[in-house]
Amino acid sequence: MACNCNKCNPSKPCGCTDVALSNPCSYSDCSVGSERCATICCAECVSYCGTTFQVGTAGSIIKIETGERLDSIIQKMALMMSQGIGGCTSDDLHHAPYNVYAANITSNSAVILWNNESTATTQIEVFLDSGVGYVSQGVVGPTVLQLAISSLIAATDYKVKLVSTDSGAATCDSVEILFTTLL
């Protein structure tokens, strides 16, 4: 069964494979006010299919678009809750990347991926912490949306954060993601 996560806004493709726990896809809470169960198509990646909306004023707008990935919206809202609306969290200013996650985790490597970076971003630096403090893993340009990290230790907990920089050298931190390498 193919994932149809881009059905509400084809310009915002979900890009996921169908990993639903049942076939056809289903969702456990179909009560009134919950997700529209007929539109849920994959458990790993769900798109917001409501009407596009925004809150804030110029220089501090948070915008949620039809078709935007739910995992990205959650990270956007978490940053806003911890930092308020404004620099580093507003869609109309330089902001941290959203939808940061780890993939292809092995005993000694992982790939860090992200999207929804600001158009003002000039570079992204990826930092890794195994419990002794953050250490830079590399700097990438504004259109590069992943970085492979190797030489990790098996069965170890890691934290990763991204720091985006704009042309004025202002920086914004992403959410911290957590993952554990395999044994």
C-alpha atoms as a PDB file:
ATOM      1  CA  MET A   1       0.000   0.000   0.000  1.00  0.00           C
ATOM      2  CA  ALA A   2       1.491   3.365  -0.951  1.00  0.00           C
ATOM      3  CA  CYS A   3       1.635   6.245   1.429  1.00  0.00           C
ATOM      4  CA  ASN A   4      -0.531   9.119   0.240  1.00  0.00           C
ATOM      5  CA  CYS A   5       0.797  11.803   2.560  1.00  0.00           C
ATOM      6  CA  ASN A   6       0.865  14.472  -0.130  1.00  0.00           C
ATOM      7  CA  LYS A   7      -2.813  14.254  -1.001  1.00  0.00           C
ATOM      8  CA  CYS A   8      -3.770  17.530   0.672  1.00  0.00           C
ATOM      9  CA  ASN A   9      -0.888  19.642  -0.674  1.00  0.00           C
ATOM     10  CA  PRO A  10       1.217  18.118  -3.451  1.00  0.00           C
ATOM     11  CA  SER A  11       3.858  20.863  -3.027  1.00  0.00           C
ATOM     12  CA  LYS A  12       4.540  19.536   0.504  1.00  0.00           C
ATOM     13  CA  PRO A  13       5.376  15.866  -0.131  1.00  0.00           C
ATOM     14  CA  CYS A  14       5.646  13.671   2.908  1.00  0.00           C
ATOM     15  CA  GLY A  15       8.356  11.492   1.441  1.00  0.00           C
ATOM     16  CA  CYS A  16       7.681   8.525   3.677  1.00  0.00           C
ATOM     17  CA  THR A  17       7.034   4.872   3.016  1.00  0.00           C
ATOM     18  CA  ASP A  18       3.974   3.175   4.380  1.00  0.00           C
ATOM     19  CA  VAL A  19       4.932   1.741   7.746  1.00  0.00           C
ATOM     20  CA  ALA A  20       1.437   1.439   9.150  1.00  0.00           C
ATOM     21  CA  LEU A  21       0.961  -1.295  11.703  1.00  0.00           C
ATOM     22  CA  SER A  22      -2.130  -2.532   9.890  1.00  0.00           C
ATOM     23  CA  ASN A  23      -3.243  -2.758   6.309  1.00  0.00           C
ATOM     24  CA  PRO A  24      -5.186  -0.748   5.406  1.00  0.00           C
ATOM     25  CA  CYS A  25      -3.708   2.006   7.569  1.00  0.00           C
ATOM     26  CA  SER A  26      -5.652   2.816  10.702  1.00  0.00           C
ATOM     27  CA  TYR A  27      -5.436   5.120  13.671  1.00  0.00           C
ATOM     28  CA  SER A  28      -6.368   4.217  17.233  1.00  0.00           C
ATOM     29  CA  ASP A  29      -8.306   7.344  18.277  1.00  0.00           C
ATOM     30  CA  CYS A  30     -11.149   8.071  15.880  1.00  0.00           C
ATOM     31  CA  SER A  31     -13.351   9.833  18.438  1.00  0.00           C
ATOM     32  CA  VAL A  32     -14.999  13.176  17.713  1.00  0.00           C
ATOM     33  CA  GLY A  33     -12.385  15.926  17.560  1.00  0.00           C
ATOM     34  CA  SER A  34      -9.542  13.543  16.771  1.00  0.00           C
ATOM     35  CA  GLU A  35      -7.804  12.991  13.460  1.00  0.00           C
ATOM     36  CA  ARG A  36      -9.966  12.349  10.439  1.00  0.00           C
ATOM     37  CA  CYS A  37      -9.312   8.630  10.244  1.00  0.00           C
ATOM     38  CA  ALA A  38     -10.079   8.404   6.537  1.00  0.00           C
ATOM     39  CA  THR A  39      -7.121  10.692   5.792  1.00  0.00           C
ATOM     40  CA  ILE A  40      -4.534   8.917   7.951  1.00  0.00           C
ATOM     41  CA  CYS A  41      -2.350   6.886   5.646  1.00  0.00           C
ATOM     42  CA  CYS A  42       0.889   6.071   7.422  1.00  0.00           C
ATOM     43  CA  ALA A  43       1.835   5.853  11.063  1.00  0.00           C
ATOM     44  CA  GLU A  44       5.365   7.248  10.761  1.00  0.00           C
ATOM     45  CA  CYS A  45       4.592  10.348   8.756  1.00  0.00           C
ATOM     46  CA  VAL A  46       1.319  12.219   8.895  1.00  0.00           C
ATOM     47  CA  SER A  47       0.555  15.457   7.094  1.00  0.00           C
ATOM     48  CA  TYR A  48      -1.641  18.222   8.496  1.00  0.00           C
ATOM     49  CA  CYS A  49      -4.663  18.416   6.189  1.00  0.00           C
ATOM     50  CA  GLY A  50      -6.486  21.277   7.867  1.00  0.00           C
ATOM     51  CA  THR A  51      -6.657  24.824   6.560  1.00  0.00           C
ATOM     52  CA  THR A  52      -3.360  26.768   6.510  1.00  0.00           C
ATOM     53  CA  PHE A  53      -3.182  29.185   9.447  1.00  0.00           C
ATOM     54  CA  GLN A  54      -0.719  31.518  11.134  1.00  0.00           C
ATOM     55  CA  VAL A  55      -0.340  33.410  14.402  1.00  0.00           C
ATOM     56  CA  GLY A  56       1.776  36.419  15.299  1.00  0.00           C
ATOM     57  CA  THR A  57       2.712  39.717  13.715  1.00  0.00           C
ATOM     58  CA  ALA A  58       5.402  40.756  11.208  1.00  0.00           C
ATOM     59  CA  GLY A  59       8.753  39.435  12.415  1.00  0.00           C
ATOM     60  CA  SER A  60       7.129  36.797  14.593  1.00  0.00           C
ATOM     61  CA  ILE A  61       4.835  34.630  12.469  1.00  0.00           C
ATOM     62  CA  ILE A  62       4.369  30.916  13.026  1.00  0.00           C
ATOM     63  CA  LYS A  63       2.634  29.428   9.987  1.00  0.00           C
ATOM     64  CA  ILE A  64       1.212  25.916   9.717  1.00  0.00           C
ATOM     65  CA  GLU A  65       0.484  24.966   6.114  1.00  0.00           C
ATOM     66  CA  THR A  66      -1.880  22.422   4.665  1.00  0.00           C
ATOM     67  CA  GLY A  67       0.254  19.374   3.873  1.00  0.00           C
ATOM     68  CA  GLU A  68       3.016  20.201   6.380  1.00  0.00           C
ATOM     69  CA  ARG A  69       4.455  17.179   8.165  1.00  0.00           C
ATOM     70  CA  LEU A  70       3.206  16.698  11.716  1.00  0.00           C
ATOM     71  CA  ASP A  71       6.692  15.876  13.046  1.00  0.00           C
ATOM     72  CA  SER A  72       7.907  19.221  11.686  1.00  0.00           C
ATOM     73  CA  ILE A  73       4.951  21.061  13.270  1.00  0.00           C
ATOM     74  CA  ILE A  74       5.671  19.456  16.652  1.00  0.00           C
ATOM     75  CA  GLN A  75       9.332  20.549  16.552  1.00  0.00           C
ATOM     76  CA  LYS A  76       8.291  24.061  15.449  1.00  0.00           C
ATOM     77  CA  MET A  77       5.832  24.316  18.350  1.00  0.00           C
ATOM     78  CA  ALA A  78       8.355  22.901  20.854  1.00  0.00           C
ATOM     79  CA  LEU A  79      10.881  25.578  19.863  1.00  0.00           C
ATOM     80  CA  MET A  80       8.202  28.263  20.126  1.00  0.00           C
ATOM     81  CA  MET A  81       7.153  27.030  23.584  1.00  0.00           C
ATOM     82  CA  SER A  82      10.735  27.074  24.865  1.00  0.00           C
ATOM     83  CA  GLN A  83      11.889  30.299  23.167  1.00  0.00           C
ATOM     84  CA  GLY A  84       8.703  32.249  22.395  1.00  0.00           C
ATOM     85  CA  ILE A  85       7.717  33.596  18.996  1.00  0.00           C
ATOM     86  CA  GLY A  86      10.434  35.695  17.407  1.00  0.00           C
ATOM     87  CA  GLY A  87      13.986  35.284  16.183  1.00  0.00           C
ATOM     88  CA  CYS A  88      14.933  31.609  15.734  1.00  0.00           C
ATOM     89  CA  THR A  89      11.313  30.424  15.780  1.00  0.00           C
ATOM     90  CA  SER A  90       9.414  32.642  13.314  1.00  0.00           C
ATOM     91  CA  ASP A  91       8.821  31.487   9.769  1.00  0.00           C
ATOM     92  CA  ASP A  92       9.374  35.046   8.502  1.00  0.00           C
ATOM     93  CA  LEU A  93      12.811  35.397  10.163  1.00  0.00           C
ATOM     94  CA  HIS A  94      15.965  33.288  10.294  1.00  0.00           C
ATOM     95  CA  HIS A  95      14.931  30.196  12.251  1.00  0.00           C
ATOM     96  CA  ALA A  96      16.271  26.806  13.263  1.00  0.00           C
ATOM     97  CA  PRO A  97      15.623  23.831  10.958  1.00  0.00           C
ATOM     98  CA  TYR A  98      12.579  21.710  11.787  1.00  0.00           C
ATOM     99  CA  ASN A  99      11.963  18.001  11.368  1.00  0.00           C
ATOM    100  CA  VAL A 100      15.398  16.965  12.639  1.00  0.00           C
ATOM    101  CA  TYR A 101      15.748  13.201  13.018  1.00  0.00           C
ATOM    102  CA  ALA A 102      18.245  10.324  12.973  1.00  0.00           C
ATOM    103  CA  ALA A 103      18.024   7.505  10.425  1.00  0.00           C
ATOM    104  CA  ASN A 104      20.051   4.484   9.340  1.00  0.00           C
ATOM    105  CA  ILE A 105      21.292   3.999  12.912  1.00  0.00           C
ATOM    106  CA  THR A 106      23.851   1.198  13.275  1.00  0.00           C
ATOM    107  CA  SER A 107      26.251   0.246  16.060  1.00  0.00           C
ATOM    108  CA  ASN A 108      28.756   2.880  14.918  1.00  0.00           C
ATOM    109  CA  SER A 109      26.987   5.364  12.648  1.00  0.00           C
ATOM    110  CA  ALA A 110      23.834   7.379  11.978  1.00  0.00           C
ATOM    111  CA  VAL A 111      22.572   9.846   9.419  1.00  0.00           C
ATOM    112  CA  ILE A 112      21.114  13.111  10.715  1.00  0.00           C
ATOM    113  CA  LEU A 113      18.436  14.583   8.454  1.00  0.00           C
ATOM    114  CA  TRP A 114      16.366  17.787   8.551  1.00  0.00           C
ATOM    115  CA  ASN A 115      14.275  20.127   6.441  1.00  0.00           C
ATOM    116  CA  ASN A 116      12.261  23.328   6.722  1.00  0.00           C
ATOM    117  CA  GLU A 117      15.321  25.496   7.126  1.00  0.00           C
ATOM    118  CA  SER A 118      15.069  29.259   6.795  1.00  0.00           C
ATOM    119  CA  THR A 119      15.742  30.941   3.460  1.00  0.00           C
ATOM    120  CA  ALA A 120      18.116  33.221   5.426  1.00  0.00           C
ATOM    121  CA  THR A 121      20.294  30.275   6.526  1.00  0.00           C
ATOM    122  CA  THR A 122      23.841  30.344   5.137  1.00  0.00           C
ATOM    123  CA  GLN A 123      25.116  27.214   6.900  1.00  0.00           C
ATOM    124  CA  ILE A 124      24.140  24.423   9.303  1.00  0.00           C
ATOM    125  CA  GLU A 125      26.527  22.958  11.872  1.00  0.00           C
ATOM    126  CA  VAL A 126      25.725  19.549  13.348  1.00  0.00           C
ATOM    127  CA  PHE A 127      26.687  18.910  16.989  1.00  0.00           C
ATOM    128  CA  LEU A 128      26.806  15.532  18.767  1.00  0.00           C
ATOM    129  CA  ASP A 129      26.872  14.867  22.519  1.00  0.00           C
ATOM    130  CA  SER A 130      27.510  11.444  24.085  1.00  0.00           C
ATOM    131  CA  GLY A 131      27.258  12.808  27.619  1.00  0.00           C
ATOM    132  CA  VAL A 132      30.440  14.865  27.774  1.00  0.00           C
ATOM    133  CA  GLY A 133      29.283  17.976  25.889  1.00  0.00           C
ATOM    134  CA  TYR A 134      28.528  18.909  22.307  1.00  0.00           C
ATOM    135  CA  VAL A 135      31.231  18.409  19.669  1.00  0.00           C
ATOM    136  CA  SER A 136      30.909  19.664  16.085  1.00  0.00           C
ATOM    137  CA  GLN A 137      30.489  16.934  13.473  1.00  0.00           C
ATOM    138  CA  GLY A 138      30.699  19.267  10.490  1.00  0.00           C
ATOM    139  CA  VAL A 139      29.298  22.281   8.683  1.00  0.00           C
ATOM    140  CA  VAL A 140      27.130  22.030   5.554  1.00  0.00           C
ATOM    141  CA  GLY A 141      25.656  24.545   3.153  1.00  0.00           C
ATOM    142  CA  PRO A 142      22.056  25.745   3.242  1.00  0.00           C
ATOM    143  CA  THR A 143      20.683  23.250   0.719  1.00  0.00           C
ATOM    144  CA  VAL A 144      22.337  20.163   2.228  1.00  0.00           C
ATOM    145  CA  LEU A 145      19.749  18.417   4.384  1.00  0.00           C
ATOM    146  CA  GLN A 146      21.733  15.566   5.943  1.00  0.00           C
ATOM    147  CA  LEU A 147      25.047  14.615   7.494  1.00  0.00           C
ATOM    148  CA  ALA A 148      26.394  11.095   8.096  1.00  0.00           C
ATOM    149  CA  ILE A 149      28.140  10.601  11.429  1.00  0.00           C
ATOM    150  CA  SER A 150      30.528   7.681  11.942  1.00  0.00           C
ATOM    151  CA  SER A 151      32.925   6.413  14.629  1.00  0.00           C
ATOM    152  CA  LEU A 152      30.096   6.164  17.164  1.00  0.00           C
ATOM    153  CA  ILE A 153      30.209   3.727  20.084  1.00  0.00           C
ATOM    154  CA  ALA A 154      27.798   0.775  20.134  1.00  0.00           C
ATOM    155  CA  ALA A 155      24.846   0.851  22.571  1.00  0.00           C
ATOM    156  CA  THR A 156      25.463   4.502  23.463  1.00  0.00           C
ATOM    157  CA  ASP A 157      22.932   7.308  23.949  1.00  0.00           C
ATOM    158  CA  TYR A 158      23.537  10.405  21.819  1.00  0.00           C
ATOM    159  CA  LYS A 159      22.017  13.876  21.553  1.00  0.00           C
ATOM    160  CA  VAL A 160      22.208  15.880  18.343  1.00  0.00           C
ATOM    161  CA  LYS A 161      21.350  19.499  17.651  1.00  0.00           C
ATOM    162  CA  LEU A 162      21.748  21.692  14.597  1.00  0.00           C
ATOM    163  CA  VAL A 163      22.887  25.295  14.717  1.00  0.00           C
ATOM    164  CA  SER A 164      21.878  27.394  11.723  1.00  0.00           C
ATOM    165  CA  THR A 165      23.697  30.636  10.904  1.00  0.00           C
ATOM    166  CA  ASP A 166      22.517  33.552   8.766  1.00  0.00           C
ATOM    167  CA  SER A 167      24.520  36.159   6.816  1.00  0.00           C
ATOM    168  CA  GLY A 168      24.725  38.393   9.902  1.00  0.00           C
ATOM    169  CA  ALA A 169      26.291  35.541  11.938  1.00  0.00           C
ATOM    170  CA  ALA A 170      23.136  35.143  14.059  1.00  0.00           C
ATOM    171  CA  THR A 171      22.662  31.531  15.155  1.00  0.00           C
ATOM    172  CA  CYS A 172      19.597  29.444  16.006  1.00  0.00           C
ATOM    173  CA  ASP A 173      19.580  26.039  17.729  1.00  0.00           C
ATOM    174  CA  SER A 174      17.232  23.269  16.636  1.00  0.00           C
ATOM    175  CA  VAL A 175      15.526  20.875  19.021  1.00  0.00           C
ATOM    176  CA  GLU A 176      17.815  18.208  20.493  1.00  0.00           C
ATOM    177  CA  ILE A 177      17.088  14.774  19.126  1.00  0.00           C
ATOM    178  CA  LEU A 178      17.995  11.638  21.060  1.00  0.00           C
ATOM    179  CA  PHE A 179      19.004   8.252  19.683  1.00  0.00           C
ATOM    180  CA  THR A 180      20.854   5.137  20.807  1.00  0.00           C
ATOM    181  CA  THR A 181      23.285   3.223  18.627  1.00  0.00           C
ATOM    182  CA  LEU A 182      22.674  -0.493  18.144  1.00  0.00           C
ATOM    183  CA  LEU A 183      24.554  -3.153  20.103  1.00  0.00           C
END
